[in-house]
Amino acid sequence: MEFGIFVQGYVGKRAETDPLAEHKALMEEAQYIVQADASGFKYAWATEHHFLEEYSHLSANDVFLGYLAHATDRIHLGSGIFNPLASVNHPVKVAEKAAMLDHLSEGRFEFGTGRGAGSHEILGFMPGITDMDSTREMWEETIAEFPKMWLQEEYPGFQGKHWSLPPRKVLPKPYGKSHPPMWYAAGSPSSYAMAGKKGLGVLGFSVQKVSDMEWVLEAYKNAVRDAEPIAGFVNDNVMVTSTAICAETHDKAVEIAVGGGLNYLQSLLFRYHDTFPRPEGIPEWPELLPDYTAEIIELLIAEELMICGDPGEVLQQCKRWEQAGADQLTFGLPVGVSYEHTMNSIKLIGEHVIPHIDTDPVHRTTRFRDAA
């Protein structure tokens, strides 16, 4: 199993007291990825979100990743996601940005796409449309065109329902002979199966605990075995996410988690991501989840809903994900936690956890790409 981190430009309530909160959030998260690169993580994923006040101010992730291509040496940099719906980003411009990042990173770019997870965000670009279901058709129409734009000397053009282009040479071409690995941000079992059938890796932002892996793997792995790939190669890969806090002692890790404002993050998540299933007990915004106590944190750890503890405990918790079949475990950093504690978590996981689980120096997606 490989490891990654996930950043989103979370500002939270800090802006109420600090006029530089937005700037600090973006710069700190860039440094988390620089440290993850030095600590042996293989992947870093950066969101593309729009209009999501406090929750995510990382709207121009192509610019963010371009900076990190120069600031890092080995970590793979992924769009988690680029939104290729024509009304949000023209598909050709998405293809161009992806290829440019592939060059700047010298083959370390991972191309994740999706349809967006909330109506407040996506329907802002679609006047007159009120149904998020229409975005599936837009994405389906577009996704198979990217390998053609990248690999064909001259793209023959496209005439679709939602966008069109006459024949053109789409430049630059990606780095090397192939193209970036392709991923899809999936939520439902049917989405996992669809991604597998197309030969795409899955960004499993919807997977909350180890027991969720059963239906994820069944839906995906059955489909990917008989993939009809739209790309130059099959990216047989399921990435899942979990919050992670690692400290020198268990009690210190729990103390950090209690002070991290995780209830506010979860409340914002369900405020904006209205396509996600709403678990029982999640209040409607602006009502918030109650503050997390030490008892709640211990319950979340026991239910395998977060990774938290000393290095030995975190290692065992990560091994549970490996045993369940995850190809990549990505840590959504506890965004209310201080910069110093977050950096310490990254360093401790890099020193005490990753070397005991990810012993292969070659990135999984690099191997797939080189074989294409």
Protein backbone atom coordinates (compact mmCIF):
# COMPACT_ATOMS: atom_id res chain seq x y z
CA MET A 1 0.00 0.00 0.00
CA GLU A 2 1.22 3.48 -0.91
CA PHE A 3 0.67 6.73 0.98
CA GLY A 4 -0.46 10.22 0.11
CA ILE A 5 -1.71 13.46 1.64
CA PHE A 6 -4.67 15.62 0.64
CA VAL A 7 -4.93 19.42 0.91
CA GLN A 8 -7.81 21.76 0.17
CA GLY A 9 -6.99 25.30 1.30
CA TYR A 10 -9.09 25.09 4.46
CA VAL A 11 -9.36 28.45 6.20
CA GLY A 12 -12.10 27.83 8.78
CA LYS A 13 -12.75 30.41 11.45
CA ARG A 14 -9.20 31.76 11.46
CA ALA A 15 -10.21 34.61 9.14
CA GLU A 16 -12.36 36.08 11.91
CA THR A 17 -9.23 37.10 13.82
CA ASP A 18 -6.40 36.94 11.27
CA PRO A 19 -6.56 38.98 8.03
CA LEU A 20 -3.78 36.78 6.58
CA ALA A 21 -5.57 33.51 7.37
CA GLU A 22 -6.25 32.63 3.72
CA HIS A 23 -2.65 33.28 2.68
CA LYS A 24 -1.26 31.33 5.62
CA ALA A 25 -3.53 28.35 4.92
CA LEU A 26 -2.35 28.06 1.33
CA MET A 27 1.33 28.51 2.13
CA GLU A 28 1.23 26.11 5.08
CA GLU A 29 -0.43 23.41 2.99
CA ALA A 30 2.23 23.82 0.32
CA GLN A 31 4.83 23.20 3.01
CA TYR A 32 2.98 20.09 4.17
CA ILE A 33 3.49 18.64 0.69
CA VAL A 34 7.16 19.63 0.63
CA GLN A 35 7.59 17.81 3.95
CA ALA A 36 5.59 14.80 2.74
CA ASP A 37 7.96 14.58 -0.23
CA ALA A 38 10.95 14.50 2.13
CA SER A 39 9.19 11.99 4.41
CA GLY A 40 8.57 9.30 1.80
CA PHE A 41 4.93 9.89 0.86
CA LYS A 42 4.30 9.02 -2.78
CA TYR A 43 1.30 11.19 -3.63
CA ALA A 44 -0.12 14.63 -2.87
CA TRP A 45 -3.64 15.56 -3.97
CA ALA A 46 -4.94 19.12 -4.26
CA THR A 47 -8.61 20.00 -4.64
CA GLU A 48 -10.37 22.23 -7.10
CA HIS A 49 -13.26 23.95 -5.32
CA HIS A 50 -15.14 27.16 -5.98
CA PHE A 51 -17.22 29.45 -3.74
CA LEU A 52 -16.79 27.24 -0.64
CA GLU A 53 -16.07 29.84 2.01
CA GLU A 54 -13.94 28.56 4.89
CA TYR A 55 -14.09 24.94 3.69
CA SER A 56 -11.81 25.22 0.64
CA HIS A 57 -10.14 28.26 -0.91
CA LEU A 58 -7.99 26.15 -3.25
CA SER A 59 -9.68 27.02 -6.53
CA ALA A 60 -6.67 27.28 -8.88
CA ASN A 61 -4.99 23.97 -8.07
CA ASP A 62 -3.13 23.93 -11.38
CA VAL A 63 -1.19 27.00 -10.22
CA PHE A 64 -0.67 25.46 -6.78
CA LEU A 65 0.64 22.22 -8.27
CA GLY A 66 2.88 24.10 -10.70
CA TYR A 67 4.62 25.72 -7.73
CA LEU A 68 4.98 22.33 -6.04
CA ALA A 69 6.41 20.73 -9.17
CA HIS A 70 9.44 22.95 -8.62
CA ALA A 71 9.42 22.76 -4.82
CA THR A 72 9.45 18.93 -4.62
CA ASP A 73 11.64 16.17 -6.00
CA ARG A 74 9.87 12.79 -6.07
CA ILE A 75 6.30 12.98 -4.80
CA HIS A 76 3.56 12.58 -7.41
CA LEU A 77 1.27 15.59 -7.65
CA GLY A 78 -2.40 14.93 -8.32
CA SER A 79 -5.45 16.95 -9.23
CA GLY A 80 -8.02 15.87 -6.72
CA ILE A 81 -9.79 17.00 -8.90
CA PHE A 82 -9.67 18.94 -12.15
CA ASN A 83 -13.27 19.54 -13.17
CA PRO A 84 -13.58 18.92 -16.95
CA LEU A 85 -17.22 19.96 -17.34
CA ALA A 86 -17.16 22.43 -20.23
CA SER A 87 -19.13 25.10 -18.37
CA VAL A 88 -16.55 25.00 -15.54
CA ASN A 89 -13.29 24.43 -17.48
CA HIS A 90 -13.05 23.92 -21.23
CA PRO A 91 -11.79 20.34 -21.77
CA VAL A 92 -8.99 21.41 -24.11
CA LYS A 93 -7.64 23.86 -21.54
CA VAL A 94 -7.78 21.07 -18.94
CA ALA A 95 -5.77 18.81 -21.27
CA GLU A 96 -3.23 21.56 -21.83
CA LYS A 97 -2.81 22.25 -18.10
CA ALA A 98 -2.42 18.56 -17.32
CA ALA A 99 0.27 18.12 -19.97
CA MET A 100 2.09 21.23 -18.79
CA LEU A 101 2.12 19.94 -15.21
CA ASP A 102 3.37 16.61 -16.50
CA HIS A 103 6.37 18.42 -18.01
CA LEU A 104 7.07 20.66 -15.03
CA SER A 105 7.02 17.63 -12.72
CA GLU A 106 8.87 15.43 -15.24
CA GLY A 107 6.21 12.73 -15.27
CA ARG A 108 4.99 13.06 -11.68
CA PHE A 109 1.52 14.41 -12.44
CA GLU A 110 -1.62 12.36 -11.66
CA PHE A 111 -4.76 13.39 -13.56
CA GLY A 112 -7.80 13.12 -11.32
CA THR A 113 -11.19 14.33 -12.53
CA GLY A 114 -14.73 14.37 -11.24
CA ARG A 115 -18.08 16.10 -11.48
CA GLY A 116 -18.02 18.05 -8.24
CA ALA A 117 -19.80 17.13 -5.04
CA GLY A 118 -22.10 20.06 -4.38
CA SER A 119 -24.77 22.11 -6.08
CA HIS A 120 -23.63 25.42 -4.51
CA GLU A 121 -20.31 25.01 -6.30
CA ILE A 122 -21.07 23.40 -9.64
CA LEU A 123 -24.45 24.91 -10.46
CA GLY A 124 -22.89 28.34 -10.02
CA PHE A 125 -21.38 27.74 -13.46
CA MET A 126 -24.63 26.46 -14.99
CA PRO A 127 -27.35 29.12 -15.02
CA GLY A 128 -30.80 27.61 -15.38
CA ILE A 129 -29.76 24.07 -14.42
CA THR A 130 -31.01 22.81 -11.06
CA ASP A 131 -30.16 19.10 -11.22
CA MET A 132 -26.67 17.81 -10.46
CA ASP A 133 -27.48 14.55 -12.26
CA SER A 134 -26.90 16.28 -15.59
CA THR A 135 -23.20 16.56 -14.81
CA ARG A 136 -22.73 12.81 -15.31
CA GLU A 137 -23.62 13.13 -18.99
CA MET A 138 -21.22 16.07 -19.36
CA TRP A 139 -18.35 14.16 -17.76
CA GLU A 140 -19.07 10.96 -19.73
CA GLU A 141 -19.08 12.92 -22.97
CA THR A 142 -15.66 14.39 -22.25
CA ILE A 143 -13.43 11.97 -20.35
CA ALA A 144 -12.41 9.69 -23.23
CA GLU A 145 -11.26 12.67 -25.29
CA PHE A 146 -8.24 13.47 -23.13
CA PRO A 147 -6.01 10.57 -24.26
CA LYS A 148 -6.83 11.48 -27.86
CA MET A 149 -5.82 15.10 -27.32
CA TRP A 150 -2.58 14.00 -25.68
CA LEU A 151 -1.50 11.11 -27.92
CA GLN A 152 -2.72 12.02 -31.42
CA GLU A 153 -0.49 14.38 -33.35
CA GLU A 154 -3.55 16.32 -34.41
CA TYR A 155 -6.76 15.95 -32.45
CA PRO A 156 -9.49 15.31 -35.04
CA GLY A 157 -11.93 17.55 -33.21
CA PHE A 158 -15.13 16.94 -31.34
CA GLN A 159 -18.80 17.72 -31.81
CA GLY A 160 -20.82 16.93 -28.71
CA LYS A 161 -23.88 18.08 -26.89
CA HIS A 162 -22.02 20.26 -24.40
CA TRP A 163 -18.87 21.36 -26.24
CA SER A 164 -17.14 21.19 -29.60
CA LEU A 165 -13.79 21.85 -31.21
CA PRO A 166 -12.54 21.79 -34.82
CA PRO A 167 -9.40 19.75 -35.62
CA ARG A 168 -6.44 21.20 -33.75
CA LYS A 169 -3.02 20.22 -32.43
CA VAL A 170 -3.41 20.25 -28.64
CA LEU A 171 -0.09 21.31 -27.11
CA PRO A 172 2.04 20.54 -25.27
CA LYS A 173 1.97 16.78 -25.48
CA PRO A 174 2.60 15.00 -22.15
CA TYR A 175 6.06 14.15 -20.89
CA GLY A 176 7.46 10.93 -22.35
CA LYS A 177 5.71 8.46 -24.61
CA SER A 178 2.45 8.08 -22.70
CA HIS A 179 0.26 10.36 -20.57
CA PRO A 180 -0.55 11.00 -16.89
CA PRO A 181 -2.41 8.26 -15.00
CA MET A 182 -6.15 8.93 -15.00
CA TRP A 183 -8.37 8.82 -11.91
CA TYR A 184 -12.04 9.46 -11.11
CA ALA A 185 -13.47 10.80 -7.84
CA ALA A 186 -16.20 8.23 -7.13
CA GLY A 187 -18.92 8.21 -4.51
CA SER A 188 -21.40 5.41 -5.09
CA PRO A 189 -20.79 1.71 -5.86
CA SER A 190 -22.02 2.28 -9.41
CA SER A 191 -19.40 5.03 -9.86
CA TYR A 192 -16.62 2.72 -8.69
CA ALA A 193 -17.74 0.08 -11.18
CA MET A 194 -17.97 2.65 -13.98
CA ALA A 195 -14.44 3.87 -13.28
CA GLY A 196 -13.11 0.32 -13.22
CA LYS A 197 -14.77 -0.49 -16.54
CA LYS A 198 -13.04 2.52 -18.10
CA GLY A 199 -9.68 1.50 -16.61
CA LEU A 200 -9.49 4.55 -14.35
CA GLY A 201 -8.12 4.65 -10.83
CA VAL A 202 -10.57 5.72 -8.13
CA LEU A 203 -10.19 8.62 -5.73
CA GLY A 204 -12.25 7.27 -2.85
CA PHE A 205 -12.98 10.45 -0.93
CA SER A 206 -16.28 8.86 0.12
CA VAL A 207 -14.68 5.92 1.96
CA GLN A 208 -14.91 6.71 5.66
CA LYS A 209 -13.79 3.56 7.47
CA VAL A 210 -12.08 0.24 6.86
CA SER A 211 -15.34 -1.71 6.64
CA ASP A 212 -16.34 0.43 3.63
CA MET A 213 -13.55 -1.21 1.64
CA GLU A 214 -15.59 -4.36 1.07
CA TRP A 215 -18.16 -2.83 -1.26
CA VAL A 216 -15.57 -0.49 -2.80
CA LEU A 217 -13.26 -3.31 -3.83
CA GLU A 218 -16.03 -5.63 -4.94
CA ALA A 219 -17.55 -3.01 -7.25
CA TYR A 220 -14.23 -1.77 -8.58
CA LYS A 221 -12.01 -4.83 -8.85
CA ASN A 222 -14.70 -6.91 -10.59
CA ALA A 223 -15.09 -4.18 -13.20
CA VAL A 224 -11.41 -3.35 -13.73
CA ARG A 225 -10.57 -6.99 -14.48
CA ASP A 226 -12.60 -6.67 -17.67
CA ALA A 227 -11.75 -3.04 -18.33
CA GLU A 228 -12.23 -1.46 -21.72
CA PRO A 229 -9.71 1.31 -21.06
CA ILE A 230 -10.28 4.74 -22.50
CA ALA A 231 -6.64 5.60 -21.76
CA GLY A 232 -3.30 4.28 -22.92
CA PHE A 233 -3.13 1.95 -19.91
CA VAL A 234 -5.25 0.65 -17.04
CA ASN A 235 -4.72 2.38 -13.71
CA ASP A 236 -5.87 -0.43 -11.39
CA ASN A 237 -5.88 1.64 -8.22
CA VAL A 238 -8.19 2.46 -5.33
CA MET A 239 -7.17 5.43 -3.18
CA VAL A 240 -9.00 5.98 0.10
CA THR A 241 -8.80 8.80 2.63
CA SER A 242 -8.72 9.07 6.41
CA THR A 243 -7.98 11.83 8.87
CA ALA A 244 -4.61 11.23 10.56
CA ILE A 245 -3.00 12.60 13.69
CA CYS A 246 0.24 11.10 14.96
CA ALA A 247 2.08 12.27 18.08
CA GLU A 248 4.72 10.92 20.43
CA THR A 249 2.07 9.51 22.79
CA HIS A 250 -1.53 8.38 22.48
CA ASP A 251 -2.76 10.97 24.97
CA LYS A 252 -1.02 13.78 23.09
CA ALA A 253 -2.56 12.69 19.78
CA VAL A 254 -6.05 12.65 21.34
CA GLU A 255 -5.45 16.06 22.92
CA ILE A 256 -4.47 17.47 19.51
CA ALA A 257 -7.55 15.94 17.91
CA VAL A 258 -9.86 17.40 20.56
CA GLY A 259 -8.46 20.87 19.89
CA GLY A 260 -8.61 20.53 16.11
CA GLY A 261 -12.14 21.73 15.48
CA LEU A 262 -12.97 18.59 13.52
CA ASN A 263 -16.67 19.05 14.23
CA TYR A 264 -16.61 22.36 12.33
CA LEU A 265 -14.88 20.78 9.35
CA GLN A 266 -17.49 18.01 9.20
CA SER A 267 -20.31 20.53 9.49
CA LEU A 268 -18.87 22.51 6.56
CA LEU A 269 -18.44 19.33 4.53
CA PHE A 270 -22.14 18.52 4.72
CA ARG A 271 -23.04 22.18 4.20
CA TYR A 272 -21.48 22.18 0.76
CA HIS A 273 -21.33 18.53 -0.38
CA ASP A 274 -25.04 17.94 -0.73
CA THR A 275 -24.56 14.97 -3.05
CA PHE A 276 -22.94 12.98 -0.22
CA PRO A 277 -25.25 10.72 1.81
CA ARG A 278 -26.08 12.52 5.06
CA PRO A 279 -25.56 10.18 8.03
CA GLU A 280 -28.12 10.21 10.79
CA GLY A 281 -27.37 12.88 13.36
CA ILE A 282 -25.69 15.36 10.99
CA PRO A 283 -27.48 18.71 11.56
CA GLU A 284 -28.52 21.15 8.86
CA TRP A 285 -26.27 24.18 8.47
CA PRO A 286 -25.86 26.59 10.27
CA GLU A 287 -26.37 24.21 13.18
CA LEU A 288 -23.04 22.53 14.00
CA LEU A 289 -22.00 19.15 15.20
CA PRO A 290 -21.08 19.30 18.90
CA ASP A 291 -17.45 19.82 19.88
CA TYR A 292 -15.45 16.60 19.86
CA THR A 293 -14.43 15.42 23.31
CA ALA A 294 -11.70 12.93 24.16
CA GLU A 295 -14.43 10.29 24.47
CA ILE A 296 -15.69 11.04 20.95
CA ILE A 297 -12.16 10.87 19.54
CA GLU A 298 -11.59 7.51 21.23
CA LEU A 299 -14.87 6.28 19.72
CA LEU A 300 -13.85 7.46 16.24
CA ILE A 301 -10.55 5.60 16.62
CA ALA A 302 -12.31 2.43 17.81
CA GLU A 303 -14.79 2.62 14.93
CA GLU A 304 -11.87 3.09 12.49
CA LEU A 305 -13.23 6.45 11.39
CA MET A 306 -9.91 8.23 11.95
CA ILE A 307 -6.26 7.38 12.41
CA CYS A 308 -4.93 8.76 15.66
CA GLY A 309 -2.32 7.74 18.20
CA ASP A 310 1.37 7.21 18.78
CA PRO A 311 3.52 5.89 15.89
CA GLY A 312 2.99 2.24 16.84
CA GLU A 313 -0.77 2.66 17.01
CA VAL A 314 -0.89 4.55 13.74
CA LEU A 315 1.15 1.80 12.09
CA GLN A 316 -1.37 -0.83 13.20
CA GLN A 317 -4.30 1.32 12.08
CA CYS A 318 -2.73 1.78 8.65
CA LYS A 319 -2.11 -1.95 8.38
CA ARG A 320 -5.85 -2.47 8.74
CA TRP A 321 -6.36 -0.48 5.54
CA GLU A 322 -3.63 -2.48 3.82
CA GLN A 323 -5.23 -5.76 4.89
CA ALA A 324 -8.59 -4.53 3.60
CA GLY A 325 -7.08 -4.07 0.15
CA ALA A 326 -6.51 -0.33 -0.25
CA ASP A 327 -3.92 0.45 -2.93
CA GLN A 328 -3.26 3.92 -1.53
CA LEU A 329 -4.08 5.49 1.82
CA THR A 330 -4.21 9.27 1.69
CA PHE A 331 -4.41 11.40 4.79
CA GLY A 332 -6.83 14.29 4.84
CA LEU A 333 -4.85 16.46 7.20
CA PRO A 334 -6.70 17.57 10.36
CA VAL A 335 -7.16 21.09 9.12
CA GLY A 336 -7.89 22.74 12.47
CA VAL A 337 -4.65 21.45 13.95
CA SER A 338 -1.65 23.76 14.27
CA TYR A 339 1.07 23.91 11.64
CA GLU A 340 3.64 22.51 14.09
CA HIS A 341 1.53 19.51 15.08
CA THR A 342 0.62 18.74 11.46
CA MET A 343 4.25 18.85 10.36
CA ASN A 344 5.12 16.57 13.26
CA SER A 345 2.45 14.07 12.18
CA ILE A 346 3.86 13.98 8.66
CA LYS A 347 7.41 13.45 9.96
CA LEU A 348 6.43 10.72 12.43
CA ILE A 349 4.39 8.82 9.83
CA GLY A 350 7.23 9.12 7.35
CA GLU A 351 9.75 7.80 9.87
CA HIS A 352 7.80 5.12 11.73
CA VAL A 353 4.89 4.00 9.51
CA ILE A 354 5.57 4.24 5.78
CA PRO A 355 8.85 2.24 5.77
CA HIS A 356 7.04 -0.73 7.37
CA ILE A 357 4.25 -0.85 4.76
CA ASP A 358 5.41 0.72 1.48
CA THR A 359 8.67 -1.04 0.71
CA ASP A 360 8.57 -0.60 -3.10
CA PRO A 361 10.55 2.45 -4.27
CA VAL A 362 8.69 2.56 -7.60
CA HIS A 363 5.37 4.38 -7.75
CA ARG A 364 2.54 2.10 -8.77
CA THR A 365 1.31 4.50 -11.44
CA THR A 366 4.83 4.96 -12.80
CA ARG A 367 4.99 1.20 -13.40
CA PHE A 368 1.65 1.22 -15.23
CA ARG A 369 2.67 4.19 -17.32
CA ASP A 370 6.10 2.83 -18.26
CA ALA A 371 4.51 -0.43 -19.41
CA ALA A 372 2.14 1.36 -21.78
